[in-house]
Amino acid sequence: MKSVISFSWWRRCGLVVAGVALTISPVLAFPSLVSANIPEDAIASEDTIARKLLALQSSTERWIQIDLTRQTLTAWEGGKPVYSIIISTGKESTPTPPGTFAIQTKYERARMTGPGYDVPDVPFTMYYYGGYAIHGAYWHNNFGTPVSHGCTNVAVNHAEWLFNWADIGTPVVVHD
C-alpha cells in the first residue's frame, strides 16, 4: 500500500509503519486551533485522522484529502489518487480545522458572508462541516498560500471537476 502522508508524520502519529506497531499516544495535535474559535469537536487527533486515512485507502470508496501543510487537495478512489491540485486553505487567524468529515450539501452557486466579506455566486460549493466548504475561487489566483476564512479555495475549473465527481456523503479528511 502506498503512503498518503510522509513517513515522519506516520512516526509522529504512532501507527503501524512497515509492519511494525508503534505506540499510540492520545495527544491533541492542534492546540492552536482552540484559540481560533473552532469548536473542539472539529479538532481531530492525528491518531483519528491517520486511522481514517488507512481505512479509506483500503476501501474502494471515493474520498477527498486536504493537506494543510502542502496546500494540496487529492481526490482518491480507494488507494488510487485520481486528481490532485494546489489549493488555498484558511489563513492563521481563520484556520481550516483538521478532522474527518463528509460532504453534506452541494450548491452550483452560493453566497458566502462573514466578518469582513460578502462574496456572491461562489461556484461549485460543497459544505463538509458547518460553514466550511470546498469551492471555486474566482477572486484570487494565489493558490498554494493560505488566504481563506477557513474554506478550501480551488480554481473554478478544478472546483467544477470535484463538484461533478463527489457525492453527498463523500468523506473529506483534512490534516497537517
C-alpha atoms as a PDB file:
ATOM      1  CA  MET A   1       0.000   0.000   0.000  1.00  0.00           C
ATOM      2  CA  LYS A   2       1.312   3.453  -0.927  1.00  0.00           C
ATOM      3  CA  SER A   3       1.601   6.063   1.850  1.00  0.00           C
ATOM      4  CA  VAL A   4      -0.684   9.085   1.653  1.00  0.00           C
ATOM      5  CA  ILE A   5       1.439  11.106   4.027  1.00  0.00           C
ATOM      6  CA  SER A   6       5.114  11.300   4.878  1.00  0.00           C
ATOM      7  CA  PHE A   7       6.937   8.700   6.958  1.00  0.00           C
ATOM      8  CA  SER A   8       7.788  11.276   9.617  1.00  0.00           C
ATOM      9  CA  TRP A   9       4.080  12.079  10.010  1.00  0.00           C
ATOM     10  CA  TRP A  10       3.273   8.377  10.455  1.00  0.00           C
ATOM     11  CA  ARG A  11       6.056   8.055  13.027  1.00  0.00           C
ATOM     12  CA  ARG A  12       4.736  11.067  14.999  1.00  0.00           C
ATOM     13  CA  CYS A  13       1.256   9.522  14.967  1.00  0.00           C
ATOM     14  CA  GLY A  14       2.496   6.268  16.434  1.00  0.00           C
ATOM     15  CA  LEU A  15       0.854   3.997  13.878  1.00  0.00           C
ATOM     16  CA  VAL A  16       1.981   0.897  12.064  1.00  0.00           C
ATOM     17  CA  VAL A  17       4.958   1.667   9.853  1.00  0.00           C
ATOM     18  CA  ALA A  18       6.353  -1.078   7.591  1.00  0.00           C
ATOM     19  CA  GLY A  19       4.533  -3.728   9.623  1.00  0.00           C
ATOM     20  CA  VAL A  20       5.914  -2.592  12.997  1.00  0.00           C
ATOM     21  CA  ALA A  21       3.355  -1.416  15.551  1.00  0.00           C
ATOM     22  CA  LEU A  22       4.326   1.768  17.336  1.00  0.00           C
ATOM     23  CA  THR A  23       2.802   3.180  20.498  1.00  0.00           C
ATOM     24  CA  ILE A  24      -0.213   5.430  20.010  1.00  0.00           C
ATOM     25  CA  SER A  25      -0.456   8.370  22.360  1.00  0.00           C
ATOM     26  CA  PRO A  26      -3.749  10.301  22.525  1.00  0.00           C
ATOM     27  CA  VAL A  27      -2.386  13.824  22.070  1.00  0.00           C
ATOM     28  CA  LEU A  28      -4.470  16.759  20.886  1.00  0.00           C
ATOM     29  CA  ALA A  29      -2.485  17.590  17.784  1.00  0.00           C
ATOM     30  CA  PHE A  30      -3.851  21.039  17.012  1.00  0.00           C
ATOM     31  CA  PRO A  31      -3.949  23.157  20.203  1.00  0.00           C
ATOM     32  CA  SER A  32      -3.530  26.443  18.310  1.00  0.00           C
ATOM     33  CA  LEU A  33      -6.930  25.948  16.684  1.00  0.00           C
ATOM     34  CA  VAL A  34      -8.710  26.014  20.043  1.00  0.00           C
ATOM     35  CA  SER A  35      -7.778  29.671  20.432  1.00  0.00           C
ATOM     36  CA  ALA A  36      -9.038  30.355  16.892  1.00  0.00           C
ATOM     37  CA  ASN A  37     -12.691  29.771  17.896  1.00  0.00           C
ATOM     38  CA  ILE A  38     -13.024  26.432  16.120  1.00  0.00           C
ATOM     39  CA  PRO A  39     -15.360  24.110  18.042  1.00  0.00           C
ATOM     40  CA  GLU A  40     -13.456  21.456  19.996  1.00  0.00           C
ATOM     41  CA  ASP A  41     -15.392  18.622  18.310  1.00  0.00           C
ATOM     42  CA  ALA A  42     -13.933  19.728  14.964  1.00  0.00           C
ATOM     43  CA  ILE A  43     -10.378  19.221  16.147  1.00  0.00           C
ATOM     44  CA  ALA A  44      -9.323  15.640  15.499  1.00  0.00           C
ATOM     45  CA  SER A  45      -6.196  13.990  16.798  1.00  0.00           C
ATOM     46  CA  GLU A  46      -3.513  12.813  14.397  1.00  0.00           C
ATOM     47  CA  ASP A  47      -4.392   9.286  15.518  1.00  0.00           C
ATOM     48  CA  THR A  48      -8.032   9.619  14.449  1.00  0.00           C
ATOM     49  CA  ILE A  49      -7.076  11.179  11.127  1.00  0.00           C
ATOM     50  CA  ALA A  50      -4.406   8.569  10.386  1.00  0.00           C
ATOM     51  CA  ARG A  51      -6.815   5.700  11.129  1.00  0.00           C
ATOM     52  CA  LYS A  52      -9.393   7.219   8.756  1.00  0.00           C
ATOM     53  CA  LEU A  53      -6.751   7.634   6.023  1.00  0.00           C
ATOM     54  CA  LEU A  54      -5.742   3.971   6.374  1.00  0.00           C
ATOM     55  CA  ALA A  55      -9.351   2.794   6.266  1.00  0.00           C
ATOM     56  CA  LEU A  56     -10.169   4.872   3.172  1.00  0.00           C
ATOM     57  CA  GLN A  57      -7.009   3.770   1.352  1.00  0.00           C
ATOM     58  CA  SER A  58      -8.008   0.151   1.952  1.00  0.00           C
ATOM     59  CA  SER A  59     -11.503   0.729   0.559  1.00  0.00           C
ATOM     60  CA  THR A  60     -12.858   1.318  -2.929  1.00  0.00           C
ATOM     61  CA  GLU A  61     -14.650   4.472  -1.767  1.00  0.00           C
ATOM     62  CA  ARG A  62     -14.247   7.917  -3.309  1.00  0.00           C
ATOM     63  CA  TRP A  63     -12.781  10.398  -0.830  1.00  0.00           C
ATOM     64  CA  ILE A  64     -11.027  13.762  -0.623  1.00  0.00           C
ATOM     65  CA  GLN A  65      -7.763  14.510   1.185  1.00  0.00           C
ATOM     66  CA  ILE A  66      -6.869  18.106   2.093  1.00  0.00           C
ATOM     67  CA  ASP A  67      -3.236  18.550   3.144  1.00  0.00           C
ATOM     68  CA  LEU A  68      -2.924  21.851   5.015  1.00  0.00           C
ATOM     69  CA  THR A  69       0.885  21.818   5.094  1.00  0.00           C
ATOM     70  CA  ARG A  70       1.343  21.166   1.379  1.00  0.00           C
ATOM     71  CA  GLN A  71      -1.762  23.182   0.380  1.00  0.00           C
ATOM     72  CA  THR A  72      -2.974  20.326  -1.832  1.00  0.00           C
ATOM     73  CA  LEU A  73      -6.244  18.528  -2.375  1.00  0.00           C
ATOM     74  CA  THR A  74      -6.275  14.988  -3.741  1.00  0.00           C
ATOM     75  CA  ALA A  75      -9.352  13.084  -4.898  1.00  0.00           C
ATOM     76  CA  TRP A  76      -8.979   9.351  -4.284  1.00  0.00           C
ATOM     77  CA  GLU A  77     -10.764   6.191  -5.313  1.00  0.00           C
ATOM     78  CA  GLY A  78      -9.678   3.828  -2.552  1.00  0.00           C
ATOM     79  CA  GLY A  79      -5.878   3.774  -2.634  1.00  0.00           C
ATOM     80  CA  LYS A  80      -5.615   5.345  -6.094  1.00  0.00           C
ATOM     81  CA  PRO A  81      -5.218   9.125  -6.478  1.00  0.00           C
ATOM     82  CA  VAL A  82      -7.314  10.318  -9.428  1.00  0.00           C
ATOM     83  CA  TYR A  83      -6.986  14.128  -9.237  1.00  0.00           C
ATOM     84  CA  SER A  84      -4.593  16.400  -7.333  1.00  0.00           C
ATOM     85  CA  ILE A  85      -4.483  20.199  -7.221  1.00  0.00           C
ATOM     86  CA  ILE A  86      -2.946  23.162  -5.403  1.00  0.00           C
ATOM     87  CA  ILE A  87      -5.395  24.928  -3.059  1.00  0.00           C
ATOM     88  CA  SER A  88      -5.651  27.776  -0.565  1.00  0.00           C
ATOM     89  CA  THR A  89      -6.977  26.995   2.893  1.00  0.00           C
ATOM     90  CA  GLY A  90      -7.526  29.191   5.945  1.00  0.00           C
ATOM     91  CA  LYS A  91      -5.007  31.778   6.998  1.00  0.00           C
ATOM     92  CA  GLU A  92      -3.533  31.685  10.522  1.00  0.00           C
ATOM     93  CA  SER A  93      -6.269  33.893  12.006  1.00  0.00           C
ATOM     94  CA  THR A  94      -9.064  31.840  10.388  1.00  0.00           C
ATOM     95  CA  PRO A  95      -7.673  28.303  10.031  1.00  0.00           C
ATOM     96  CA  THR A  96      -9.217  25.306   8.334  1.00  0.00           C
ATOM     97  CA  PRO A  97      -9.922  22.697  11.019  1.00  0.00           C
ATOM     98  CA  PRO A  98      -8.285  19.284  10.641  1.00  0.00           C
ATOM     99  CA  GLY A  99     -10.532  16.282  11.019  1.00  0.00           C
ATOM    100  CA  THR A 100     -12.642  13.685   9.277  1.00  0.00           C
ATOM    101  CA  PHE A 101     -15.829  14.941   7.666  1.00  0.00           C
ATOM    102  CA  ALA A 102     -18.181  14.214   4.741  1.00  0.00           C
ATOM    103  CA  ILE A 103     -19.763  16.328   2.014  1.00  0.00           C
ATOM    104  CA  GLN A 104     -23.093  17.475   3.486  1.00  0.00           C
ATOM    105  CA  THR A 105     -24.558  19.783   0.832  1.00  0.00           C
ATOM    106  CA  LYS A 106     -23.687  20.914  -2.696  1.00  0.00           C
ATOM    107  CA  TYR A 107     -24.602  24.156  -4.476  1.00  0.00           C
ATOM    108  CA  GLU A 108     -23.676  25.213  -8.005  1.00  0.00           C
ATOM    109  CA  ARG A 109     -23.666  28.820  -6.728  1.00  0.00           C
ATOM    110  CA  ALA A 110     -23.718  30.087  -3.143  1.00  0.00           C
ATOM    111  CA  ARG A 111     -23.417  33.439  -1.387  1.00  0.00           C
ATOM    112  CA  MET A 112     -20.810  33.459   1.384  1.00  0.00           C
ATOM    113  CA  THR A 113     -20.808  36.101   4.069  1.00  0.00           C
ATOM    114  CA  GLY A 114     -18.921  36.613   7.289  1.00  0.00           C
ATOM    115  CA  PRO A 115     -16.984  39.250   9.215  1.00  0.00           C
ATOM    116  CA  GLY A 116     -15.345  41.428   6.562  1.00  0.00           C
ATOM    117  CA  TYR A 117     -16.554  39.594   3.455  1.00  0.00           C
ATOM    118  CA  ASP A 118     -19.656  39.098   1.315  1.00  0.00           C
ATOM    119  CA  VAL A 119     -18.996  37.067  -1.821  1.00  0.00           C
ATOM    120  CA  PRO A 120     -21.875  36.365  -4.232  1.00  0.00           C
ATOM    121  CA  ASP A 121     -22.064  33.479  -6.697  1.00  0.00           C
ATOM    122  CA  VAL A 122     -19.338  31.284  -5.187  1.00  0.00           C
ATOM    123  CA  PRO A 123     -19.129  28.454  -7.717  1.00  0.00           C
ATOM    124  CA  PHE A 124     -19.322  24.715  -7.068  1.00  0.00           C
ATOM    125  CA  THR A 125     -19.630  24.866  -3.292  1.00  0.00           C
ATOM    126  CA  MET A 126     -19.538  21.660  -1.254  1.00  0.00           C
ATOM    127  CA  TYR A 127     -20.057  22.127   2.506  1.00  0.00           C
ATOM    128  CA  TYR A 128     -18.444  19.426   4.641  1.00  0.00           C
ATOM    129  CA  TYR A 129     -18.585  20.873   8.178  1.00  0.00           C
ATOM    130  CA  GLY A 130     -20.802  23.762   9.260  1.00  0.00           C
ATOM    131  CA  GLY A 131     -19.682  26.790   7.234  1.00  0.00           C
ATOM    132  CA  TYR A 132     -16.527  25.076   5.927  1.00  0.00           C
ATOM    133  CA  ALA A 133     -16.600  24.168   2.250  1.00  0.00           C
ATOM    134  CA  ILE A 134     -14.560  23.251  -0.780  1.00  0.00           C
ATOM    135  CA  HIS A 135     -15.407  25.778  -3.506  1.00  0.00           C
ATOM    136  CA  GLY A 136     -14.209  27.643  -6.540  1.00  0.00           C
ATOM    137  CA  ALA A 137     -12.492  30.986  -6.004  1.00  0.00           C
ATOM    138  CA  TYR A 138     -12.759  33.484  -8.847  1.00  0.00           C
ATOM    139  CA  TRP A 139     -11.478  36.418  -6.741  1.00  0.00           C
ATOM    140  CA  HIS A 140      -7.857  35.329  -6.357  1.00  0.00           C
ATOM    141  CA  ASN A 141      -5.154  33.281  -8.055  1.00  0.00           C
ATOM    142  CA  ASN A 142      -2.898  32.849  -5.024  1.00  0.00           C
ATOM    143  CA  PHE A 143      -3.238  29.071  -4.747  1.00  0.00           C
ATOM    144  CA  GLY A 144      -0.625  27.379  -2.606  1.00  0.00           C
ATOM    145  CA  THR A 145      -0.906  30.073   0.080  1.00  0.00           C
ATOM    146  CA  PRO A 146      -3.402  30.028   2.989  1.00  0.00           C
ATOM    147  CA  VAL A 147      -5.635  33.060   2.330  1.00  0.00           C
ATOM    148  CA  SER A 148      -9.208  31.993   3.102  1.00  0.00           C
ATOM    149  CA  HIS A 149     -11.512  32.436   6.082  1.00  0.00           C
ATOM    150  CA  GLY A 150     -11.298  28.659   6.655  1.00  0.00           C
ATOM    151  CA  CYS A 151     -12.750  27.214   3.471  1.00  0.00           C
ATOM    152  CA  THR A 152     -10.747  25.317   0.876  1.00  0.00           C
ATOM    153  CA  ASN A 153     -10.375  27.555  -2.200  1.00  0.00           C
ATOM    154  CA  VAL A 154      -9.690  25.908  -5.557  1.00  0.00           C
ATOM    155  CA  ALA A 155      -9.548  27.259  -9.101  1.00  0.00           C
ATOM    156  CA  VAL A 156     -13.031  27.324 -10.632  1.00  0.00           C
ATOM    157  CA  ASN A 157     -12.310  24.656 -13.275  1.00  0.00           C
ATOM    158  CA  HIS A 158     -10.996  22.299 -10.574  1.00  0.00           C
ATOM    159  CA  ALA A 159     -13.979  23.059  -8.337  1.00  0.00           C
ATOM    160  CA  GLU A 160     -16.296  22.057 -11.176  1.00  0.00           C
ATOM    161  CA  TRP A 161     -14.481  18.750 -11.675  1.00  0.00           C
ATOM    162  CA  LEU A 162     -14.638  17.962  -7.942  1.00  0.00           C
ATOM    163  CA  PHE A 163     -18.299  19.011  -7.746  1.00  0.00           C
ATOM    164  CA  ASN A 164     -19.213  16.585 -10.537  1.00  0.00           C
ATOM    165  CA  TRP A 165     -17.060  13.763  -9.109  1.00  0.00           C
ATOM    166  CA  ALA A 166     -18.067  13.922  -5.423  1.00  0.00           C
ATOM    167  CA  ASP A 167     -21.453  12.991  -3.996  1.00  0.00           C
ATOM    168  CA  ILE A 168     -23.203  13.918  -0.778  1.00  0.00           C
ATOM    169  CA  GLY A 169     -21.525  11.733   1.846  1.00  0.00           C
ATOM    170  CA  THR A 170     -18.102  11.644   0.158  1.00  0.00           C
ATOM    171  CA  PRO A 171     -15.527  11.562   3.000  1.00  0.00           C
ATOM    172  CA  VAL A 172     -13.219  14.565   3.440  1.00  0.00           C
ATOM    173  CA  VAL A 173     -10.041  14.176   5.501  1.00  0.00           C
ATOM    174  CA  VAL A 174      -8.220  17.384   6.460  1.00  0.00           C
ATOM    175  CA  HIS A 175      -4.759  17.129   8.047  1.00  0.00           C
ATOM    176  CA  ASP A 176      -1.456  18.935   8.596  1.00  0.00           C
END
